[in-house]
């Protein structure tokens, strides 16, 4: 059994990690670190876990207990993991970081986006971007994985087959994303997350290339395109708790039917257990609630020679904790689907 620990376990990402790990057949959950809830049962932060485990939250202390784990999942806020991870990695732990600290190959890009010095040193050079559908083989041999952002996961999975197959103009990419309010995290209490502010309202934010997931998408898509990518990404906050819906657009370089393009997507993701291509209809966020699946639907507009791709996923599962477990499974030689087989909740 893998000995696993979570650091930053009382936020939404940590709560989903707890929920999923407690039913993982190959894991022994050793500790769940929370500064806020140290000494209290996990049900103090997550009442839905009442009766599922005797585990209590602990403090990080000197990190000795965490360093004795085989795998540590870091669910801390941005800027914390680069301080926590090196000690664990030097002790021989495998680490999956759910923050943005190890997502970028060039630390200067991180510094430009997050406005803080990157102090990950040698470990940033060794980190692997944790999108299994694109980087499965390198994840298997990695000691440190930077788990992708939720919007980035949806956008990259939507556009990857198009760029890999050189089917669209790389300068024509548009990603329109919509997220539930849980994407802001559990500790954010600004007016823009109050019920009275978000209810019956939809708002765009961080437009015109300023959202932190924009360069994350561009980095991965450039690998597929073989050239730099600059896309247009507009995120929106919508009045629901969780879920991501990404509607993506691109201009085709040659005519292709919807039927043939769906076949291309099915071939591209034929060995991806958590990506499903819909041959009829379009996905909705409710279809993915609580599960680790990304659903993709698409159609070609022959009038404009543009393709529209719609992807839906749960931002806290495939967009965060579930994908982290997917990466952990690959890193540790377990079946990629272990602990993640359950479908979404419906209705």
Protein backbone atom coordinates (compact mmCIF):
# COMPACT_ATOMS: atom_id res chain seq x y z
CA UNK A 1 0.00 0.00 0.00
CA UNK A 2 1.24 3.47 -0.83
CA UNK A 3 1.72 5.71 2.17
CA UNK A 4 0.20 9.05 1.15
CA UNK A 5 -0.02 12.44 2.82
CA UNK A 6 -1.83 15.67 1.98
CA UNK A 7 -0.51 19.11 2.84
CA UNK A 8 -3.12 21.87 2.68
CA UNK A 9 -5.95 19.42 3.22
CA UNK A 10 -8.74 21.69 4.46
CA UNK A 11 -9.38 23.62 1.23
CA UNK A 12 -11.70 22.46 -1.55
CA UNK A 13 -8.87 20.68 -3.40
CA UNK A 14 -7.78 18.97 -0.19
CA UNK A 15 -11.34 17.93 0.56
CA UNK A 16 -11.68 16.22 -2.79
CA UNK A 17 -8.30 14.54 -2.28
CA UNK A 18 -9.54 13.17 1.04
CA UNK A 19 -12.81 11.95 -0.45
CA UNK A 20 -11.05 10.16 -3.30
CA UNK A 21 -8.08 8.79 -1.37
CA UNK A 22 -10.26 7.29 1.35
CA UNK A 23 -11.76 4.91 -1.22
CA UNK A 24 -8.54 4.30 -3.19
CA UNK A 25 -7.70 0.57 -3.02
CA UNK A 26 -3.93 1.03 -3.16
CA UNK A 27 -3.48 3.83 -0.61
CA UNK A 28 -2.97 4.15 3.12
CA UNK A 29 -3.66 7.78 4.02
CA UNK A 30 -1.06 8.70 6.63
CA UNK A 31 -1.67 12.36 7.35
CA UNK A 32 -3.72 15.38 6.33
CA UNK A 33 -2.06 18.67 7.20
CA UNK A 34 -4.16 21.75 7.96
CA UNK A 35 -2.95 24.77 9.90
CA UNK A 36 -6.54 25.92 10.46
CA UNK A 37 -7.98 22.59 11.68
CA UNK A 38 -4.92 20.94 13.28
CA UNK A 39 -5.99 18.44 15.94
CA UNK A 40 -9.59 18.27 14.74
CA UNK A 41 -11.25 15.38 12.86
CA UNK A 42 -11.47 15.79 9.09
CA UNK A 43 -15.23 16.00 9.46
CA UNK A 44 -14.75 19.40 11.14
CA UNK A 45 -13.86 20.82 7.75
CA UNK A 46 -15.83 18.37 5.62
CA UNK A 47 -19.00 17.11 7.32
CA UNK A 48 -19.66 14.83 4.36
CA UNK A 49 -16.72 12.68 5.51
CA UNK A 50 -18.26 12.01 8.93
CA UNK A 51 -17.90 8.33 9.80
CA UNK A 52 -15.53 7.53 6.92
CA UNK A 53 -12.19 7.83 8.73
CA UNK A 54 -10.74 8.34 12.22
CA UNK A 55 -8.03 10.58 10.72
CA UNK A 56 -7.45 13.98 12.31
CA UNK A 57 -5.84 16.98 10.73
CA UNK A 58 -2.26 17.57 11.84
CA UNK A 59 0.21 20.43 11.67
CA UNK A 60 3.20 20.23 9.33
CA UNK A 61 5.75 20.81 12.09
CA UNK A 62 9.26 19.92 10.94
CA UNK A 63 7.94 17.85 8.04
CA UNK A 64 9.43 14.58 9.30
CA UNK A 65 6.11 12.71 9.24
CA UNK A 66 5.31 13.95 5.74
CA UNK A 67 8.78 12.96 4.51
CA UNK A 68 8.11 9.35 5.53
CA UNK A 69 5.30 9.08 2.98
CA UNK A 70 5.76 7.54 -0.43
CA UNK A 71 3.72 10.31 -2.03
CA UNK A 72 2.76 13.76 -0.79
CA UNK A 73 0.00 15.75 -2.48
CA UNK A 74 0.39 19.50 -2.01
CA UNK A 75 -2.90 21.39 -2.05
CA UNK A 76 -1.45 24.67 -0.82
CA UNK A 77 -1.99 28.11 -2.30
CA UNK A 78 0.37 29.37 -4.99
CA UNK A 79 3.83 30.23 -3.69
CA UNK A 80 3.85 27.67 -0.87
CA UNK A 81 4.69 24.41 -2.66
CA UNK A 82 8.05 25.65 -3.93
CA UNK A 83 9.05 26.03 -0.28
CA UNK A 84 7.55 22.73 0.92
CA UNK A 85 8.43 20.41 -1.96
CA UNK A 86 12.27 20.44 -1.97
CA UNK A 87 12.52 18.95 1.55
CA UNK A 88 10.12 16.16 0.63
CA UNK A 89 11.79 15.49 -2.72
CA UNK A 90 15.26 15.38 -1.17
CA UNK A 91 13.87 12.80 1.31
CA UNK A 92 12.82 10.62 -1.65
CA UNK A 93 9.09 11.35 -1.69
CA UNK A 94 7.14 11.66 -4.90
CA UNK A 95 5.21 14.92 -5.00
CA UNK A 96 2.16 16.10 -6.91
CA UNK A 97 1.62 19.84 -6.57
CA UNK A 98 -1.93 21.10 -7.16
CA UNK A 99 -0.84 24.76 -7.19
CA UNK A 100 0.85 26.55 -10.09
CA UNK A 101 4.36 26.46 -8.63
CA UNK A 102 5.71 23.71 -10.90
CA UNK A 103 3.57 24.07 -14.04
CA UNK A 104 5.98 26.22 -16.06
CA UNK A 105 9.25 25.07 -17.54
CA UNK A 106 10.65 28.60 -17.39
CA UNK A 107 10.44 29.98 -13.83
CA UNK A 108 10.58 33.50 -15.25
CA UNK A 109 7.16 32.90 -16.76
CA UNK A 110 5.81 31.93 -13.34
CA UNK A 111 7.32 35.07 -11.84
CA UNK A 112 5.75 37.27 -14.51
CA UNK A 113 2.29 35.78 -13.94
CA UNK A 114 2.23 35.28 -10.17
CA UNK A 115 4.36 38.31 -9.24
CA UNK A 116 6.56 36.40 -6.83
CA UNK A 117 10.13 35.02 -7.08
CA UNK A 118 10.36 31.33 -7.94
CA UNK A 119 12.66 29.54 -5.52
CA UNK A 120 12.11 25.95 -6.65
CA UNK A 121 15.66 25.76 -7.99
CA UNK A 122 16.74 22.48 -9.55
CA UNK A 123 13.36 20.89 -8.91
CA UNK A 124 11.55 23.16 -11.32
CA UNK A 125 13.80 21.83 -14.09
CA UNK A 126 12.84 18.27 -13.17
CA UNK A 127 9.10 18.87 -12.83
CA UNK A 128 6.69 17.36 -15.38
CA UNK A 129 3.43 18.98 -16.42
CA UNK A 130 0.73 16.63 -15.20
CA UNK A 131 -1.74 16.30 -18.05
CA UNK A 132 -1.75 12.51 -18.53
CA UNK A 133 -3.42 12.61 -21.95
CA UNK A 134 -0.36 14.40 -23.36
CA UNK A 135 2.54 13.54 -21.03
CA UNK A 136 1.74 10.07 -19.70
CA UNK A 137 5.17 8.54 -20.38
CA UNK A 138 7.16 11.34 -18.72
CA UNK A 139 4.79 11.40 -15.75
CA UNK A 140 5.48 7.70 -15.15
CA UNK A 141 9.16 8.43 -14.52
CA UNK A 142 8.73 11.75 -12.69
CA UNK A 143 9.36 12.46 -9.02
CA UNK A 144 7.63 15.86 -9.16
CA UNK A 145 4.49 16.69 -11.14
CA UNK A 146 2.81 20.09 -11.51
CA UNK A 147 -0.92 19.41 -11.68
CA UNK A 148 -2.64 21.51 -14.39
CA UNK A 149 -5.16 24.27 -13.77
CA UNK A 150 -8.85 23.53 -14.29
CA UNK A 151 -9.45 25.93 -17.18
CA UNK A 152 -6.17 24.82 -18.75
CA UNK A 153 -7.19 21.17 -18.62
CA UNK A 154 -10.45 21.86 -20.44
CA UNK A 155 -8.88 24.15 -23.04
CA UNK A 156 -5.91 21.93 -23.83
CA UNK A 157 -7.98 18.75 -24.11
CA UNK A 158 -10.42 20.58 -26.41
CA UNK A 159 -7.78 21.83 -28.84
CA UNK A 160 -5.02 19.21 -28.67
CA UNK A 161 -6.23 16.95 -31.51
CA UNK A 162 -6.66 19.94 -33.82
CA UNK A 163 -3.12 21.21 -33.31
CA UNK A 164 -1.53 17.77 -33.27
CA UNK A 165 -3.13 17.01 -36.63
CA UNK A 166 -2.29 20.46 -38.09
CA UNK A 167 -6.01 20.85 -38.80
CA UNK A 168 -6.43 24.48 -37.72
CA UNK A 169 -4.63 27.80 -38.02
CA UNK A 170 -2.59 28.24 -34.79
CA UNK A 171 -3.35 31.97 -34.70
CA UNK A 172 -7.12 31.44 -34.68
CA UNK A 173 -7.62 29.79 -31.27
CA UNK A 174 -10.30 31.12 -28.91
CA UNK A 175 -11.24 29.60 -25.55
CA UNK A 176 -14.39 30.81 -23.79
CA UNK A 177 -14.45 29.34 -20.29
CA UNK A 178 -17.12 29.32 -17.58
CA UNK A 179 -16.49 28.17 -14.03
CA UNK A 180 -18.41 27.61 -10.82
CA UNK A 181 -17.44 29.67 -7.80
CA UNK A 182 -15.52 26.84 -6.09
CA UNK A 183 -12.70 27.59 -8.53
CA UNK A 184 -11.84 30.59 -6.37
CA UNK A 185 -10.94 28.31 -3.45
CA UNK A 186 -12.44 27.93 -0.01
CA UNK A 187 -10.63 30.78 1.74
CA UNK A 188 -11.60 33.60 -0.63
CA UNK A 189 -14.21 35.87 0.92
CA UNK A 190 -14.22 38.86 -1.45
CA UNK A 191 -17.51 40.43 -2.51
CA UNK A 192 -17.28 38.80 -5.94
CA UNK A 193 -17.85 35.38 -4.34
CA UNK A 194 -20.78 36.37 -2.12
CA UNK A 195 -24.08 34.69 -2.99
CA UNK A 196 -25.80 38.05 -3.49
CA UNK A 197 -23.13 39.07 -6.00
CA UNK A 198 -22.94 35.93 -8.13
CA UNK A 199 -26.55 34.76 -8.01
CA UNK A 200 -28.48 35.45 -11.24
CA UNK A 201 -25.38 36.99 -12.79
CA UNK A 202 -22.59 36.01 -15.18
CA UNK A 203 -19.39 38.02 -15.36
CA UNK A 204 -16.15 37.91 -17.33
CA UNK A 205 -12.84 38.53 -15.59
CA UNK A 206 -9.10 38.60 -16.35
CA UNK A 207 -9.68 39.21 -20.07
CA UNK A 208 -7.26 39.95 -22.93
CA UNK A 209 -4.54 37.45 -22.02
CA UNK A 210 -4.29 38.38 -18.34
CA UNK A 211 -5.65 35.16 -16.80
CA UNK A 212 -2.93 32.96 -15.33
CA UNK A 213 -4.10 29.86 -17.20
CA UNK A 214 -3.53 31.47 -20.61
CA UNK A 215 0.25 30.84 -20.80
CA UNK A 216 -0.29 27.40 -19.28
CA UNK A 217 -2.51 26.45 -22.22
CA UNK A 218 -0.11 28.06 -24.68
CA UNK A 219 2.86 26.09 -23.30
CA UNK A 220 1.19 22.69 -23.79
CA UNK A 221 -0.44 23.52 -27.13
CA UNK A 222 2.88 24.81 -28.50
CA UNK A 223 4.33 21.33 -27.87
CA UNK A 224 1.68 19.90 -30.18
CA UNK A 225 1.81 22.62 -32.81
CA UNK A 226 5.60 22.71 -32.99
CA UNK A 227 5.53 26.51 -32.78
CA UNK A 228 4.64 29.24 -30.28
CA UNK A 229 0.93 29.67 -29.63
CA UNK A 230 -0.93 32.84 -28.65
CA UNK A 231 -4.60 32.20 -27.98
CA UNK A 232 -7.49 34.31 -26.76
CA UNK A 233 -8.95 33.14 -23.45
CA UNK A 234 -11.90 34.72 -21.65
CA UNK A 235 -13.02 33.20 -18.33
CA UNK A 236 -16.45 33.77 -16.81
CA UNK A 237 -17.84 33.22 -13.32
CA UNK A 238 -21.29 31.66 -13.32
CA UNK A 239 -23.72 31.10 -10.42
CA UNK A 240 -23.09 27.45 -9.63
CA UNK A 241 -20.84 25.67 -7.15
CA UNK A 242 -18.59 23.59 -9.40
CA UNK A 243 -17.89 22.70 -13.00
CA UNK A 244 -16.03 24.03 -16.05
CA UNK A 245 -17.52 24.48 -19.50
CA UNK A 246 -15.06 25.52 -22.19
CA UNK A 247 -16.32 26.49 -25.64
CA UNK A 248 -13.38 26.64 -28.03
CA UNK A 249 -13.13 27.92 -31.59
CA UNK A 250 -10.56 27.54 -34.36
CA UNK A 251 -10.35 28.10 -38.12
CA UNK A 252 -9.84 24.98 -40.22
CA UNK A 253 -7.05 24.99 -42.77
CA UNK A 254 -8.91 22.53 -45.03
CA UNK A 255 -12.51 21.31 -45.20
CA UNK A 256 -13.42 18.37 -42.98
CA UNK A 257 -16.80 17.04 -41.92
CA UNK A 258 -18.01 16.85 -38.34
CA UNK A 259 -18.17 13.06 -38.62
CA UNK A 260 -14.55 12.80 -39.75
CA UNK A 261 -13.37 15.23 -37.10
CA UNK A 262 -15.12 13.28 -34.35
CA UNK A 263 -13.30 10.17 -35.63
CA UNK A 264 -9.99 12.08 -35.36
CA UNK A 265 -10.76 12.99 -31.74
CA UNK A 266 -11.71 9.43 -30.91
CA UNK A 267 -8.43 8.18 -32.33
CA UNK A 268 -6.39 10.84 -30.51
CA UNK A 269 -7.95 9.90 -27.16
CA UNK A 270 -8.31 6.18 -27.75
CA UNK A 271 -6.08 5.34 -24.77
CA UNK A 272 -7.32 8.15 -22.50
CA UNK A 273 -9.62 6.52 -19.91
CA UNK A 274 -11.05 9.82 -18.69
CA UNK A 275 -11.78 11.63 -21.95
CA UNK A 276 -15.00 10.77 -23.77
CA UNK A 277 -15.95 12.11 -27.20
CA UNK A 278 -19.67 12.54 -27.76
CA UNK A 279 -20.76 11.47 -31.23
CA UNK A 280 -24.16 13.04 -30.71
CA UNK A 281 -25.07 16.00 -28.52
CA UNK A 282 -22.99 18.31 -26.35
CA UNK A 283 -21.75 18.00 -22.75
CA UNK A 284 -22.95 19.95 -19.75
CA UNK A 285 -21.22 20.49 -16.42
CA UNK A 286 -23.89 18.46 -14.63
CA UNK A 287 -22.81 15.44 -16.67
CA UNK A 288 -19.39 15.44 -14.99
CA UNK A 289 -20.27 16.41 -11.40
CA UNK A 290 -18.14 14.47 -8.93
CA UNK A 291 -16.37 12.38 -11.57
CA UNK A 292 -12.91 12.49 -13.14
CA UNK A 293 -14.13 12.61 -16.73
CA UNK A 294 -13.85 15.27 -19.40
CA UNK A 295 -16.65 15.12 -21.96
CA UNK A 296 -16.08 16.68 -25.38
CA UNK A 297 -18.55 17.47 -28.16
CA UNK A 298 -17.84 19.32 -31.40
CA UNK A 299 -19.21 20.46 -34.73
CA UNK A 300 -17.88 22.03 -37.93
CA UNK A 301 -19.53 25.10 -39.43
CA UNK A 302 -19.00 24.69 -43.20
CA UNK A 303 -20.12 28.28 -43.83
CA UNK A 304 -17.19 29.76 -41.91
CA UNK A 305 -14.76 26.81 -41.95
CA UNK A 306 -14.58 27.01 -38.18
CA UNK A 307 -14.85 24.22 -35.63
CA UNK A 308 -16.52 24.64 -32.25
CA UNK A 309 -15.40 22.28 -29.48
CA UNK A 310 -17.23 22.12 -26.14
CA UNK A 311 -15.65 20.45 -23.11
CA UNK A 312 -17.12 19.91 -19.65
CA UNK A 313 -15.40 18.72 -16.48
CA UNK A 314 -15.62 19.02 -12.71
CA UNK A 315 -13.09 21.69 -11.74
CA UNK A 316 -12.44 20.02 -8.37
CA UNK A 317 -11.96 16.49 -9.76
CA UNK A 318 -10.56 16.25 -13.31
CA UNK A 319 -9.60 19.91 -12.89
CA UNK A 320 -7.74 19.32 -9.62
CA UNK A 321 -7.86 16.40 -7.15
CA UNK A 322 -8.89 13.60 -9.51
CA UNK A 323 -6.18 14.51 -11.98
CA UNK A 324 -3.68 14.60 -9.11
CA UNK A 325 -4.61 11.00 -8.26
CA UNK A 326 -4.35 10.09 -11.94
CA UNK A 327 -0.79 11.43 -11.86
CA UNK A 328 0.00 9.69 -8.58
CA UNK A 329 -1.19 6.38 -10.02
CA UNK A 330 1.06 6.77 -13.06
CA UNK A 331 4.07 7.84 -11.00
CA UNK A 332 3.70 4.83 -8.69
CA UNK A 333 2.98 2.12 -11.25
CA UNK A 334 -0.68 1.71 -10.31
CA UNK A 335 -3.53 1.42 -12.81
CA UNK A 336 -4.24 4.94 -14.04
CA UNK A 337 -7.91 4.60 -13.13
CA UNK A 338 -7.39 3.31 -9.56
CA UNK A 339 -9.70 5.06 -7.10
CA UNK A 340 -11.28 7.08 -9.90
CA UNK A 341 -13.62 4.61 -11.55
CA UNK A 342 -16.85 6.06 -10.17
CA UNK A 343 -18.87 8.12 -12.60
CA UNK A 344 -20.40 11.51 -11.98
CA UNK A 345 -23.42 12.18 -9.78
CA UNK A 346 -26.73 12.45 -11.65
CA UNK A 347 -29.06 14.25 -11.33
